[in-house]
Each structure stands twice: as C-alpha cells, then as structure tokens.
Amino acid sequence: MNFGYLKNELYYRKRRTLTAILGLSIGIALLVIINALAAAYKEAARRPLQEIGADITVQRAGNASQLCHRRPIS
C-alpha cells in the first residue's frame, strides 16, 4: 500500500477526513450507548423478580390492554 499517497489524501482532503472521523465516532458512540441502555433495562426488569425469588416469567400472548380491560362475566 502506498502510505505516502494515503497521507497526502488525508492531509489535503481535511473536510472529508474530519467528516469520516466524526461519522465513525458518532456511530460507535451510539452503539455503545444503546448496548449500555439495553443491559440496564434488562437488569431493571430482572431485579424485582429476583427479589421475590422468581426464576421464570410467563406472559400470555396478545395485546395486554385487551387482556386487562375485559368485563367480568356476570
């Protein structure tokens, strides 16, 4: 690889170089932030269940609002 050519391109195309560096930095930062948030939400969901000793959570399929707002049969 011709490193002299690469160095010249990076030096003379400063705006393109800075744009690429900025774009990569923002992309990597977003991936790290999303991964941290996902881990935090997972831990926040698990902690209340761990306090009561639940190992497995079972959830019905379907829309939760429809299941909660059913009228009792009289």
N, C-alpha and C. Protein backbone atom coordinates (compact mmCIF):
# COMPACT_ATOMS: atom_id res chain seq x y z
N MET A 1 0.85 -1.17 0.00
CA MET A 1 0.00 0.00 0.00
C MET A 1 0.90 1.24 0.00
N ASN A 2 0.52 2.24 -0.70
CA ASN A 2 1.29 3.46 -0.82
C ASN A 2 0.86 4.42 0.30
N PHE A 3 1.63 4.42 1.38
CA PHE A 3 1.26 5.24 2.54
C PHE A 3 1.46 6.73 2.28
N GLY A 4 2.39 7.08 1.40
CA GLY A 4 2.57 8.49 1.05
C GLY A 4 1.33 9.06 0.40
N TYR A 5 0.75 8.28 -0.52
CA TYR A 5 -0.49 8.71 -1.18
C TYR A 5 -1.62 8.85 -0.16
N LEU A 6 -1.70 7.89 0.74
CA LEU A 6 -2.74 7.92 1.77
C LEU A 6 -2.59 9.14 2.67
N LYS A 7 -1.36 9.42 3.07
CA LYS A 7 -1.09 10.58 3.93
C LYS A 7 -1.46 11.88 3.21
N ASN A 8 -1.12 11.98 1.93
CA ASN A 8 -1.45 13.18 1.17
C ASN A 8 -2.96 13.35 1.02
N GLU A 9 -3.66 12.27 0.76
CA GLU A 9 -5.12 12.35 0.62
C GLU A 9 -5.77 12.80 1.92
N LEU A 10 -5.31 12.24 3.04
CA LEU A 10 -5.87 12.63 4.33
C LEU A 10 -5.54 14.08 4.67
N TYR A 11 -4.36 14.53 4.27
CA TYR A 11 -3.94 15.90 4.59
C TYR A 11 -4.65 16.92 3.72
N TYR A 12 -4.77 16.66 2.44
CA TYR A 12 -5.34 17.66 1.53
C TYR A 12 -6.87 17.61 1.47
N ARG A 13 -7.45 16.56 1.92
CA ARG A 13 -8.92 16.47 1.97
C ARG A 13 -9.38 16.50 3.42
N LYS A 14 -9.11 17.61 4.06
CA LYS A 14 -9.35 17.73 5.50
C LYS A 14 -10.83 17.62 5.86
N ARG A 15 -11.67 18.25 5.06
CA ARG A 15 -13.09 18.22 5.37
C ARG A 15 -13.65 16.81 5.28
N ARG A 16 -13.25 16.07 4.25
CA ARG A 16 -13.71 14.69 4.09
C ARG A 16 -13.17 13.81 5.22
N THR A 17 -11.92 14.03 5.59
CA THR A 17 -11.31 13.25 6.67
C THR A 17 -12.03 13.52 7.99
N LEU A 18 -12.26 14.79 8.30
CA LEU A 18 -12.94 15.13 9.56
C LEU A 18 -14.38 14.62 9.57
N THR A 19 -15.04 14.68 8.42
CA THR A 19 -16.41 14.16 8.34
C THR A 19 -16.45 12.66 8.58
N ALA A 20 -15.50 11.95 8.00
CA ALA A 20 -15.45 10.50 8.20
C ALA A 20 -15.14 10.15 9.65
N ILE A 21 -14.19 10.87 10.26
CA ILE A 21 -13.85 10.61 11.66
C ILE A 21 -15.04 10.93 12.56
N LEU A 22 -15.70 12.03 12.30
CA LEU A 22 -16.87 12.41 13.10
C LEU A 22 -18.00 11.40 12.95
N GLY A 23 -18.25 10.96 11.72
CA GLY A 23 -19.31 9.97 11.50
C GLY A 23 -19.03 8.65 12.19
N LEU A 24 -17.79 8.19 12.09
CA LEU A 24 -17.43 6.94 12.77
C LEU A 24 -17.52 7.09 14.28
N SER A 25 -17.09 8.22 14.80
CA SER A 25 -17.16 8.45 16.25
C SER A 25 -18.60 8.45 16.75
N ILE A 26 -19.47 9.13 16.04
CA ILE A 26 -20.88 9.17 16.44
C ILE A 26 -21.50 7.78 16.35
N GLY A 27 -21.20 7.04 15.29
CA GLY A 27 -21.75 5.69 15.15
C GLY A 27 -21.30 4.76 16.25
N ILE A 28 -20.02 4.78 16.58
CA ILE A 28 -19.51 3.93 17.65
C ILE A 28 -20.09 4.34 18.99
N ALA A 29 -20.20 5.65 19.24
CA ALA A 29 -20.77 6.12 20.50
C ALA A 29 -22.23 5.68 20.63
N LEU A 30 -22.99 5.74 19.55
CA LEU A 30 -24.39 5.31 19.60
C LEU A 30 -24.51 3.82 19.88
N LEU A 31 -23.64 3.03 19.29
CA LEU A 31 -23.68 1.59 19.56
C LEU A 31 -23.37 1.29 21.03
N VAL A 32 -22.39 1.98 21.58
CA VAL A 32 -22.04 1.78 22.99
C VAL A 32 -23.19 2.21 23.89
N ILE A 33 -23.81 3.34 23.60
CA ILE A 33 -24.93 3.84 24.41
C ILE A 33 -26.12 2.89 24.35
N ILE A 34 -26.47 2.42 23.16
CA ILE A 34 -27.61 1.51 23.01
C ILE A 34 -27.35 0.20 23.73
N ASN A 35 -26.13 -0.30 23.65
CA ASN A 35 -25.79 -1.54 24.35
C ASN A 35 -25.88 -1.35 25.87
N ALA A 36 -25.41 -0.22 26.38
CA ALA A 36 -25.50 0.05 27.81
C ALA A 36 -26.95 0.19 28.27
N LEU A 37 -27.77 0.87 27.48
CA LEU A 37 -29.19 1.01 27.83
C LEU A 37 -29.91 -0.34 27.82
N ALA A 38 -29.59 -1.18 26.86
CA ALA A 38 -30.23 -2.50 26.80
C ALA A 38 -29.85 -3.33 28.02
N ALA A 39 -28.59 -3.27 28.42
CA ALA A 39 -28.17 -4.02 29.60
C ALA A 39 -28.84 -3.47 30.86
N ALA A 40 -28.98 -2.15 30.95
CA ALA A 40 -29.62 -1.55 32.12
C ALA A 40 -31.10 -1.91 32.20
N TYR A 41 -31.81 -1.89 31.07
CA TYR A 41 -33.23 -2.28 31.06
C TYR A 41 -33.40 -3.74 31.42
N LYS A 42 -32.51 -4.57 30.94
CA LYS A 42 -32.59 -6.00 31.25
C LYS A 42 -32.41 -6.22 32.75
N GLU A 43 -31.45 -5.54 33.34
CA GLU A 43 -31.22 -5.66 34.78
C GLU A 43 -32.38 -5.08 35.57
N ALA A 44 -32.94 -3.96 35.12
CA ALA A 44 -34.07 -3.36 35.82
C ALA A 44 -35.30 -4.25 35.77
N ALA A 45 -35.48 -5.00 34.71
CA ALA A 45 -36.62 -5.91 34.62
C ALA A 45 -36.40 -7.16 35.46
N ARG A 46 -35.15 -7.55 35.62
CA ARG A 46 -34.86 -8.78 36.34
C ARG A 46 -34.82 -8.58 37.86
N ARG A 47 -34.44 -7.40 38.31
CA ARG A 47 -34.25 -7.15 39.74
C ARG A 47 -35.51 -7.36 40.59
N PRO A 48 -36.69 -6.84 40.23
CA PRO A 48 -37.88 -7.09 41.06
C PRO A 48 -38.25 -8.57 41.14
N LEU A 49 -38.05 -9.28 40.03
CA LEU A 49 -38.36 -10.71 40.05
C LEU A 49 -37.37 -11.49 40.89
N GLN A 50 -36.14 -11.03 40.92
CA GLN A 50 -35.12 -11.71 41.71
C GLN A 50 -35.38 -11.52 43.20
N GLU A 51 -35.93 -10.37 43.57
CA GLU A 51 -36.22 -10.10 44.98
C GLU A 51 -37.29 -11.04 45.54
N ILE A 52 -38.25 -11.43 44.69
CA ILE A 52 -39.29 -12.33 45.18
C ILE A 52 -38.96 -13.79 44.91
N GLY A 53 -37.83 -14.05 44.28
CA GLY A 53 -37.38 -15.42 44.06
C GLY A 53 -37.93 -16.06 42.81
N ALA A 54 -38.43 -15.30 41.87
CA ALA A 54 -38.96 -15.86 40.63
C ALA A 54 -37.81 -16.13 39.66
N ASP A 55 -37.79 -17.33 39.10
CA ASP A 55 -36.75 -17.68 38.13
C ASP A 55 -37.25 -17.55 36.70
N ILE A 56 -38.54 -17.78 36.49
CA ILE A 56 -39.11 -17.78 35.14
C ILE A 56 -40.33 -16.86 35.13
N THR A 57 -40.46 -16.07 34.10
CA THR A 57 -41.61 -15.20 33.93
C THR A 57 -42.43 -15.71 32.76
N VAL A 58 -43.73 -15.89 32.95
CA VAL A 58 -44.62 -16.37 31.89
C VAL A 58 -45.56 -15.23 31.53
N GLN A 59 -45.71 -15.01 30.24
CA GLN A 59 -46.57 -13.93 29.77
C GLN A 59 -47.47 -14.48 28.68
N ARG A 60 -48.75 -14.11 28.74
CA ARG A 60 -49.69 -14.53 27.71
C ARG A 60 -49.43 -13.80 26.41
N ALA A 61 -49.68 -14.46 25.32
CA ALA A 61 -49.57 -13.82 24.02
C ALA A 61 -50.79 -12.94 23.80
N GLY A 62 -50.62 -11.85 23.10
CA GLY A 62 -51.75 -10.98 22.80
C GLY A 62 -51.51 -9.58 23.28
N ASN A 63 -52.49 -8.75 23.07
CA ASN A 63 -52.41 -7.36 23.44
C ASN A 63 -52.74 -7.22 24.92
N ALA A 64 -51.86 -6.62 25.68
CA ALA A 64 -52.04 -6.51 27.13
C ALA A 64 -53.24 -5.64 27.47
N SER A 65 -53.50 -4.60 26.68
CA SER A 65 -54.63 -3.73 27.01
C SER A 65 -55.96 -4.46 26.84
N GLN A 66 -56.07 -5.37 25.89
CA GLN A 66 -57.29 -6.15 25.72
C GLN A 66 -57.46 -7.14 26.86
N LEU A 67 -56.37 -7.71 27.33
CA LEU A 67 -56.47 -8.69 28.41
C LEU A 67 -56.83 -8.03 29.75
N CYS A 68 -56.39 -6.81 29.95
CA CYS A 68 -56.62 -6.14 31.24
C CYS A 68 -57.99 -5.48 31.33
N HIS A 69 -58.58 -5.14 30.20
CA HIS A 69 -59.83 -4.38 30.23
C HIS A 69 -61.05 -5.23 29.86
N ARG A 70 -61.00 -6.49 30.09
CA ARG A 70 -62.18 -7.33 29.84
C ARG A 70 -63.20 -7.10 30.93
N ARG A 71 -64.44 -7.16 30.53
CA ARG A 71 -65.52 -7.03 31.52
C ARG A 71 -65.73 -8.39 32.18
N PRO A 72 -65.96 -8.36 33.47
CA PRO A 72 -66.23 -9.64 34.15
C PRO A 72 -67.57 -10.22 33.69
N ILE A 73 -67.61 -11.51 33.63
CA ILE A 73 -68.85 -12.21 33.24
C ILE A 73 -69.77 -12.21 34.44
N SER A 74 -71.03 -11.75 34.26
CA SER A 74 -71.95 -11.71 35.39
C SER A 74 -73.14 -12.59 35.15
